[in-house]
């Protein structure tokens, strides 16, 4: 990952935290963003990722699009290895289990819902031959975490 990309993400994360989970400017101003903290698949170190999300029945949904790249993003590999993650959204922080959607009907419904709110995700799908993963973040009961 380039330093410019990492610098952009660090600045975006700082902006989200400083403004109750809302981007104050730039290309994501007004968008639905959350901060997903995963554990590195190999390193075990915490990794923070600002991600666009949609909502479904009170759950947060993220899509591992990587802009339509031919490979999945690193954060996806992290949560497959370590599915217990931390979610920061709208000024709230909670533990969640990241569940990759396997059911085709549910996958299409959630991906379509996500892309309806953020049309760029339709383009990402056209730019790659891989099945772009859809992940539902299920809030954990604090006693279960």
N, C-alpha and C. Protein backbone atom coordinates (compact mmCIF):
# COMPACT_ATOMS: atom_id res chain seq x y z
N UNK A 1 0.84 -1.17 0.00
CA UNK A 1 0.00 0.00 0.00
C UNK A 1 0.89 1.24 0.00
N UNK A 2 0.53 2.19 -0.79
CA UNK A 2 1.36 3.39 -0.89
C UNK A 2 1.20 4.26 0.36
N UNK A 3 2.21 5.09 0.61
CA UNK A 3 2.14 6.00 1.75
C UNK A 3 1.02 7.01 1.59
N UNK A 4 0.77 7.49 0.35
CA UNK A 4 -0.31 8.46 0.12
C UNK A 4 -1.65 7.87 0.55
N UNK A 5 -1.88 6.60 0.19
CA UNK A 5 -3.12 5.91 0.56
C UNK A 5 -3.23 5.81 2.08
N UNK A 6 -2.14 5.38 2.72
CA UNK A 6 -2.13 5.25 4.18
C UNK A 6 -2.32 6.60 4.86
N UNK A 7 -1.67 7.65 4.34
CA UNK A 7 -1.81 8.99 4.90
C UNK A 7 -3.25 9.48 4.76
N UNK A 8 -3.86 9.22 3.60
CA UNK A 8 -5.25 9.62 3.37
C UNK A 8 -6.16 8.92 4.37
N UNK A 9 -5.97 7.61 4.54
CA UNK A 9 -6.81 6.85 5.48
C UNK A 9 -6.62 7.33 6.92
N UNK A 10 -5.38 7.59 7.32
CA UNK A 10 -5.11 8.08 8.68
C UNK A 10 -5.81 9.41 8.91
N UNK A 11 -5.73 10.31 7.92
CA UNK A 11 -6.37 11.62 8.04
C UNK A 11 -7.89 11.47 8.09
N UNK A 12 -8.43 10.58 7.27
CA UNK A 12 -9.88 10.36 7.26
C UNK A 12 -10.34 9.78 8.59
N UNK A 13 -9.61 8.82 9.14
CA UNK A 13 -9.96 8.23 10.44
C UNK A 13 -9.93 9.30 11.53
N UNK A 14 -8.91 10.14 11.53
CA UNK A 14 -8.81 11.22 12.52
C UNK A 14 -10.00 12.18 12.37
N UNK A 15 -10.37 12.50 11.14
CA UNK A 15 -11.50 13.38 10.88
C UNK A 15 -12.80 12.75 11.38
N UNK A 16 -13.00 11.48 11.10
CA UNK A 16 -14.21 10.79 11.56
C UNK A 16 -14.29 10.81 13.09
N UNK A 17 -13.19 10.53 13.74
CA UNK A 17 -13.18 10.51 15.21
C UNK A 17 -13.41 11.90 15.80
N UNK A 18 -12.90 12.91 15.14
CA UNK A 18 -13.04 14.28 15.64
C UNK A 18 -14.45 14.84 15.41
N UNK A 19 -15.21 14.20 14.52
CA UNK A 19 -16.50 14.76 14.13
C UNK A 19 -17.65 13.77 14.30
N UNK A 20 -17.58 12.95 15.35
CA UNK A 20 -18.68 12.05 15.68
C UNK A 20 -19.02 11.04 14.60
N UNK A 21 -18.00 10.63 13.83
CA UNK A 21 -18.21 9.63 12.80
C UNK A 21 -18.61 10.18 11.44
N UNK A 22 -18.58 11.50 11.28
CA UNK A 22 -18.94 12.11 10.01
C UNK A 22 -17.73 12.80 9.40
N UNK A 23 -17.49 12.57 8.12
CA UNK A 23 -16.38 13.24 7.43
C UNK A 23 -16.74 14.71 7.27
N UNK A 24 -15.83 15.60 7.63
CA UNK A 24 -16.10 17.05 7.58
C UNK A 24 -15.82 17.65 6.22
N UNK A 25 -15.17 16.91 5.34
CA UNK A 25 -14.85 17.43 4.01
C UNK A 25 -14.33 16.33 3.12
N UNK A 26 -13.86 16.70 1.95
CA UNK A 26 -13.29 15.73 1.02
C UNK A 26 -14.34 14.90 0.32
N UNK A 27 -13.88 13.86 -0.39
CA UNK A 27 -14.80 13.07 -1.23
C UNK A 27 -15.85 12.28 -0.43
N UNK A 28 -15.64 12.09 0.87
CA UNK A 28 -16.57 11.28 1.65
C UNK A 28 -17.51 12.11 2.52
N UNK A 29 -17.45 13.46 2.38
CA UNK A 29 -18.33 14.32 3.18
C UNK A 29 -19.78 13.93 2.92
N UNK A 30 -20.51 13.70 4.02
CA UNK A 30 -21.91 13.34 3.91
C UNK A 30 -22.17 11.87 3.67
N UNK A 31 -21.10 11.08 3.49
CA UNK A 31 -21.28 9.65 3.23
C UNK A 31 -21.39 8.85 4.52
N UNK A 32 -21.86 7.63 4.38
CA UNK A 32 -21.92 6.70 5.52
C UNK A 32 -20.58 5.99 5.62
N UNK A 33 -19.83 6.34 6.65
CA UNK A 33 -18.51 5.73 6.86
C UNK A 33 -18.41 5.18 8.27
N UNK A 34 -17.70 4.10 8.39
CA UNK A 34 -17.37 3.55 9.70
C UNK A 34 -15.89 3.24 9.72
N UNK A 35 -15.37 3.04 10.91
CA UNK A 35 -13.98 2.60 11.07
C UNK A 35 -14.04 1.15 11.54
N UNK A 36 -13.45 0.26 10.74
CA UNK A 36 -13.39 -1.15 11.08
C UNK A 36 -11.98 -1.45 11.57
N UNK A 37 -11.86 -1.97 12.78
CA UNK A 37 -10.57 -2.38 13.30
C UNK A 37 -10.52 -3.90 13.29
N UNK A 38 -9.58 -4.41 12.51
CA UNK A 38 -9.37 -5.85 12.40
C UNK A 38 -8.04 -6.19 13.07
N UNK A 39 -7.82 -7.47 13.25
CA UNK A 39 -6.54 -7.96 13.74
C UNK A 39 -5.81 -8.51 12.52
N UNK A 40 -4.56 -8.10 12.32
CA UNK A 40 -3.79 -8.57 11.17
C UNK A 40 -3.77 -10.09 11.09
N UNK A 41 -4.04 -10.63 9.90
CA UNK A 41 -4.11 -12.09 9.72
C UNK A 41 -2.80 -12.75 10.11
N UNK A 42 -1.68 -12.13 9.77
CA UNK A 42 -0.38 -12.71 10.08
C UNK A 42 0.24 -12.07 11.32
N UNK A 43 0.16 -10.74 11.42
CA UNK A 43 0.84 -10.02 12.50
C UNK A 43 0.08 -10.05 13.82
N UNK A 44 -1.26 -10.14 13.73
CA UNK A 44 -2.06 -10.05 14.95
C UNK A 44 -2.20 -8.63 15.45
N UNK A 45 -1.59 -7.67 14.75
CA UNK A 45 -1.64 -6.26 15.15
C UNK A 45 -2.96 -5.62 14.71
N UNK A 46 -3.46 -4.64 15.48
CA UNK A 46 -4.70 -3.97 15.07
C UNK A 46 -4.50 -3.16 13.79
N UNK A 47 -5.49 -3.22 12.92
CA UNK A 47 -5.47 -2.49 11.64
C UNK A 47 -6.78 -1.75 11.49
N UNK A 48 -6.71 -0.45 11.24
CA UNK A 48 -7.90 0.38 11.12
C UNK A 48 -8.18 0.72 9.65
N UNK A 49 -9.46 0.63 9.30
CA UNK A 49 -9.86 0.85 7.91
C UNK A 49 -11.13 1.69 7.86
N UNK A 50 -11.11 2.85 7.19
CA UNK A 50 -12.37 3.59 7.00
C UNK A 50 -13.11 2.96 5.81
N UNK A 51 -14.38 2.61 6.03
CA UNK A 51 -15.15 1.92 5.00
C UNK A 51 -16.54 2.53 4.85
N UNK A 52 -17.02 2.54 3.62
CA UNK A 52 -18.41 2.90 3.37
C UNK A 52 -19.27 1.74 3.86
N UNK A 53 -20.44 2.09 4.40
CA UNK A 53 -21.34 1.03 4.87
C UNK A 53 -22.77 1.34 4.48
N UNK A 54 -23.57 0.29 4.49
CA UNK A 54 -25.01 0.45 4.40
C UNK A 54 -25.59 -0.26 5.62
N UNK A 55 -26.87 -0.07 5.84
CA UNK A 55 -27.53 -0.69 6.99
C UNK A 55 -28.60 -1.66 6.52
N UNK A 56 -28.76 -2.72 7.29
CA UNK A 56 -29.79 -3.71 6.99
C UNK A 56 -30.33 -4.25 8.30
N UNK A 57 -31.55 -3.91 8.61
CA UNK A 57 -32.20 -4.41 9.82
C UNK A 57 -31.34 -4.17 11.06
N UNK A 58 -30.80 -2.95 11.18
CA UNK A 58 -30.01 -2.59 12.34
C UNK A 58 -28.57 -3.06 12.32
N UNK A 59 -28.19 -3.78 11.27
CA UNK A 59 -26.81 -4.28 11.14
C UNK A 59 -26.06 -3.40 10.14
N UNK A 60 -24.75 -3.34 10.31
CA UNK A 60 -23.91 -2.62 9.35
C UNK A 60 -23.38 -3.62 8.33
N UNK A 61 -23.38 -3.20 7.06
CA UNK A 61 -22.94 -4.05 5.96
C UNK A 61 -21.80 -3.33 5.24
N UNK A 62 -20.69 -4.03 5.01
CA UNK A 62 -19.56 -3.50 4.25
C UNK A 62 -19.27 -4.43 3.09
N UNK A 63 -18.65 -3.87 2.06
CA UNK A 63 -18.37 -4.62 0.84
C UNK A 63 -16.88 -4.53 0.55
N UNK A 64 -16.23 -5.68 0.33
CA UNK A 64 -14.78 -5.75 0.11
C UNK A 64 -14.47 -5.53 -1.37
N UNK A 65 -14.78 -4.33 -1.87
CA UNK A 65 -14.68 -4.06 -3.30
C UNK A 65 -13.27 -3.75 -3.77
N UNK A 66 -12.50 -3.05 -2.94
CA UNK A 66 -11.16 -2.59 -3.31
C UNK A 66 -11.20 -1.89 -4.68
N UNK A 67 -12.31 -1.14 -4.88
CA UNK A 67 -12.46 -0.36 -6.11
C UNK A 67 -12.55 -1.21 -7.37
N UNK A 68 -12.92 -2.48 -7.22
CA UNK A 68 -13.01 -3.36 -8.38
C UNK A 68 -11.70 -4.02 -8.76
N UNK A 69 -10.71 -3.95 -7.86
CA UNK A 69 -9.41 -4.58 -8.12
C UNK A 69 -9.59 -6.10 -8.21
N UNK A 70 -8.63 -6.80 -8.84
CA UNK A 70 -8.76 -8.25 -9.00
C UNK A 70 -8.57 -9.06 -7.71
N UNK A 71 -8.08 -8.43 -6.65
CA UNK A 71 -7.86 -9.13 -5.39
C UNK A 71 -8.67 -8.48 -4.27
N UNK A 72 -8.92 -9.24 -3.23
CA UNK A 72 -9.63 -8.71 -2.07
C UNK A 72 -8.71 -7.79 -1.26
N UNK A 73 -9.28 -6.82 -0.55
CA UNK A 73 -8.46 -5.95 0.30
C UNK A 73 -7.90 -6.71 1.50
N UNK A 74 -6.80 -6.22 2.04
CA UNK A 74 -6.15 -6.88 3.18
C UNK A 74 -7.10 -7.01 4.36
N UNK A 75 -7.94 -6.00 4.59
CA UNK A 75 -8.83 -6.07 5.74
C UNK A 75 -9.78 -7.26 5.65
N UNK A 76 -10.13 -7.67 4.44
CA UNK A 76 -11.02 -8.83 4.27
C UNK A 76 -10.31 -10.11 4.75
N UNK A 77 -9.06 -10.28 4.37
CA UNK A 77 -8.30 -11.46 4.81
C UNK A 77 -8.15 -11.45 6.34
N UNK A 78 -7.98 -10.26 6.91
CA UNK A 78 -7.86 -10.15 8.37
C UNK A 78 -9.13 -10.64 9.06
N UNK A 79 -10.30 -10.21 8.59
CA UNK A 79 -11.53 -10.57 9.30
C UNK A 79 -11.95 -12.02 9.03
N UNK A 80 -11.49 -12.60 7.92
CA UNK A 80 -11.76 -14.03 7.70
C UNK A 80 -10.95 -14.84 8.73
N UNK A 81 -9.71 -14.42 8.97
CA UNK A 81 -8.85 -15.10 9.95
C UNK A 81 -9.29 -14.81 11.38
N UNK A 82 -9.64 -13.56 11.65
CA UNK A 82 -10.05 -13.11 13.00
C UNK A 82 -11.38 -12.37 12.88
N UNK A 83 -12.52 -13.10 12.93
CA UNK A 83 -13.82 -12.47 12.66
C UNK A 83 -14.36 -11.53 13.74
N UNK A 84 -13.74 -11.51 14.91
CA UNK A 84 -14.19 -10.56 15.93
C UNK A 84 -13.46 -9.23 15.67
N UNK A 85 -14.25 -8.20 15.41
CA UNK A 85 -13.72 -6.89 15.00
C UNK A 85 -14.30 -5.80 15.90
N UNK A 86 -13.77 -4.60 15.75
CA UNK A 86 -14.33 -3.43 16.43
C UNK A 86 -14.86 -2.49 15.37
N UNK A 87 -16.06 -1.97 15.62
CA UNK A 87 -16.71 -1.05 14.70
C UNK A 87 -16.89 0.29 15.40
N UNK A 88 -16.48 1.37 14.73
CA UNK A 88 -16.74 2.74 15.22
C UNK A 88 -17.64 3.39 14.18
N UNK A 89 -18.83 3.80 14.61
CA UNK A 89 -19.78 4.40 13.68
C UNK A 89 -20.65 5.42 14.42
N UNK A 90 -20.81 6.57 13.81
CA UNK A 90 -21.64 7.64 14.39
C UNK A 90 -21.28 7.93 15.85
N UNK A 91 -19.99 7.92 16.16
CA UNK A 91 -19.53 8.24 17.50
C UNK A 91 -19.66 7.11 18.51
N UNK A 92 -20.09 5.92 18.08
CA UNK A 92 -20.24 4.77 18.96
C UNK A 92 -19.21 3.70 18.58
N UNK A 93 -18.74 2.95 19.57
CA UNK A 93 -17.80 1.86 19.32
C UNK A 93 -18.37 0.57 19.91
N UNK A 94 -18.32 -0.51 19.12
CA UNK A 94 -18.79 -1.79 19.62
C UNK A 94 -18.01 -2.94 18.98
N UNK A 95 -18.03 -4.09 19.65
CA UNK A 95 -17.44 -5.31 19.13
C UNK A 95 -18.47 -5.99 18.24
N UNK A 96 -17.99 -6.64 17.19
CA UNK A 96 -18.89 -7.33 16.26
C UNK A 96 -18.23 -8.59 15.74
N UNK A 97 -19.08 -9.48 15.23
CA UNK A 97 -18.60 -10.65 14.50
C UNK A 97 -18.83 -10.34 13.03
N UNK A 98 -17.78 -10.46 12.23
CA UNK A 98 -17.87 -10.23 10.79
C UNK A 98 -18.27 -11.53 10.12
N UNK A 99 -19.43 -11.51 9.48
CA UNK A 99 -19.95 -12.70 8.79
C UNK A 99 -19.97 -12.45 7.29
N UNK A 100 -19.22 -13.26 6.55
CA UNK A 100 -19.21 -13.16 5.09
C UNK A 100 -20.49 -13.83 4.59
N UNK A 101 -21.22 -13.12 3.73
CA UNK A 101 -22.49 -13.63 3.22
C UNK A 101 -22.22 -14.64 2.10
N UNK A 102 -22.67 -15.88 2.32
CA UNK A 102 -22.49 -16.95 1.33
C UNK A 102 -23.75 -17.20 0.51
N UNK A 103 -24.91 -17.04 1.15
CA UNK A 103 -26.19 -17.31 0.48
C UNK A 103 -26.37 -16.36 -0.71
N UNK A 104 -26.55 -16.94 -1.91
CA UNK A 104 -26.63 -16.13 -3.14
C UNK A 104 -27.74 -15.09 -3.11
N UNK A 105 -28.92 -15.48 -2.63
CA UNK A 105 -30.06 -14.56 -2.60
C UNK A 105 -29.79 -13.39 -1.64
N UNK A 106 -29.30 -13.72 -0.46
CA UNK A 106 -28.97 -12.69 0.54
C UNK A 106 -27.83 -11.80 0.02
N UNK A 107 -26.84 -12.43 -0.60
CA UNK A 107 -25.72 -11.68 -1.19
C UNK A 107 -26.23 -10.66 -2.19
N UNK A 108 -27.05 -11.08 -3.13
CA UNK A 108 -27.56 -10.16 -4.17
C UNK A 108 -28.41 -9.06 -3.56
N UNK A 109 -29.23 -9.40 -2.57
CA UNK A 109 -30.07 -8.40 -1.92
C UNK A 109 -29.21 -7.33 -1.23
N UNK A 110 -28.23 -7.78 -0.46
CA UNK A 110 -27.39 -6.84 0.29
C UNK A 110 -26.48 -6.04 -0.63
N UNK A 111 -25.90 -6.69 -1.64
CA UNK A 111 -25.03 -5.96 -2.57
C UNK A 111 -25.86 -4.91 -3.32
N UNK A 112 -27.03 -5.31 -3.78
CA UNK A 112 -27.90 -4.38 -4.51
C UNK A 112 -28.31 -3.19 -3.66
N UNK A 113 -28.63 -3.45 -2.40
CA UNK A 113 -29.00 -2.38 -1.46
C UNK A 113 -27.84 -1.42 -1.26
N UNK A 114 -26.64 -1.98 -1.12
CA UNK A 114 -25.42 -1.19 -0.92
C UNK A 114 -25.17 -0.30 -2.15
N UNK A 115 -25.25 -0.92 -3.33
CA UNK A 115 -24.98 -0.20 -4.59
C UNK A 115 -26.06 0.81 -4.92
N UNK A 116 -27.26 0.58 -4.44
CA UNK A 116 -28.33 1.56 -4.68
C UNK A 116 -28.02 2.86 -3.95
N UNK A 117 -27.44 2.76 -2.77
CA UNK A 117 -27.08 3.94 -1.98
C UNK A 117 -25.77 4.56 -2.46
N UNK A 118 -24.89 3.70 -3.02
CA UNK A 118 -23.57 4.15 -3.47
C UNK A 118 -23.30 3.51 -4.84
N UNK A 119 -23.77 4.15 -5.92
CA UNK A 119 -23.72 3.55 -7.26
C UNK A 119 -22.34 3.13 -7.74
N UNK A 120 -21.28 3.69 -7.19
CA UNK A 120 -19.93 3.29 -7.58
C UNK A 120 -19.69 1.80 -7.41
N UNK A 121 -20.41 1.17 -6.49
CA UNK A 121 -20.23 -0.25 -6.25
C UNK A 121 -20.71 -1.09 -7.43
N UNK A 122 -21.64 -0.56 -8.25
CA UNK A 122 -22.03 -1.26 -9.48
C UNK A 122 -20.85 -1.31 -10.45
N UNK A 123 -20.12 -0.19 -10.55
CA UNK A 123 -18.95 -0.12 -11.42
C UNK A 123 -17.85 -1.08 -10.94
N UNK A 124 -17.64 -1.14 -9.63
CA UNK A 124 -16.61 -2.02 -9.09
C UNK A 124 -16.88 -3.46 -9.53
N UNK A 125 -18.15 -3.83 -9.49
CA UNK A 125 -18.53 -5.18 -9.87
C UNK A 125 -18.22 -5.45 -11.34
N UNK A 126 -18.40 -4.45 -12.18
CA UNK A 126 -18.14 -4.59 -13.61
C UNK A 126 -16.65 -4.64 -13.91
N UNK A 127 -15.83 -4.10 -13.00
CA UNK A 127 -14.39 -4.00 -13.23
C UNK A 127 -13.61 -5.25 -12.83
N UNK A 128 -14.27 -6.24 -12.24
CA UNK A 128 -13.54 -7.40 -11.76
C UNK A 128 -14.31 -8.69 -12.04
N UNK A 129 -13.57 -9.78 -12.15
CA UNK A 129 -14.21 -11.08 -12.38
C UNK A 129 -14.45 -11.80 -11.05
N UNK A 130 -13.89 -11.30 -9.95
CA UNK A 130 -14.08 -11.98 -8.67
C UNK A 130 -15.45 -11.63 -8.07
N UNK A 131 -15.94 -12.50 -7.23
CA UNK A 131 -17.17 -12.20 -6.48
C UNK A 131 -16.76 -11.30 -5.33
N UNK A 132 -17.21 -10.07 -5.35
CA UNK A 132 -16.83 -9.10 -4.31
C UNK A 132 -17.55 -9.47 -3.01
N UNK A 133 -16.80 -9.76 -1.95
CA UNK A 133 -17.43 -10.19 -0.71
C UNK A 133 -18.30 -9.12 -0.05
N UNK A 134 -19.42 -9.57 0.49
CA UNK A 134 -20.32 -8.75 1.30
C UNK A 134 -20.21 -9.28 2.73
N UNK A 135 -20.04 -8.37 3.68
CA UNK A 135 -19.83 -8.76 5.07
C UNK A 135 -20.86 -8.05 5.94
N UNK A 136 -21.54 -8.82 6.78
CA UNK A 136 -22.47 -8.26 7.76
C UNK A 136 -21.75 -8.22 9.10
N UNK A 137 -21.81 -7.06 9.75
CA UNK A 137 -21.18 -6.89 11.06
C UNK A 137 -22.25 -7.03 12.12
N UNK A 138 -22.24 -8.17 12.82
CA UNK A 138 -23.25 -8.47 13.84
C UNK A 138 -22.73 -8.03 15.20
N UNK A 139 -23.43 -7.09 15.79
CA UNK A 139 -23.04 -6.58 17.12
C UNK A 139 -23.02 -7.73 18.12
N UNK A 140 -21.94 -7.77 18.91
CA UNK A 140 -21.82 -8.78 19.97
C UNK A 140 -22.34 -8.21 21.28
N UNK A 141 -23.00 -9.04 22.02
CA UNK A 141 -23.38 -8.70 23.38
C UNK A 141 -22.07 -8.52 24.13
N UNK A 142 -21.94 -7.47 24.89
CA UNK A 142 -20.67 -7.18 25.60
C UNK A 142 -20.21 -8.37 26.43
N UNK A 143 -21.15 -9.16 26.97
CA UNK A 143 -20.74 -10.31 27.78
C UNK A 143 -20.22 -11.44 26.91
N UNK A 144 -20.64 -11.45 25.61
CA UNK A 144 -20.18 -12.50 24.69
C UNK A 144 -18.81 -12.18 24.11
N UNK A 145 -18.45 -10.91 24.09
CA UNK A 145 -17.16 -10.51 23.52
C UNK A 145 -16.08 -10.88 24.49
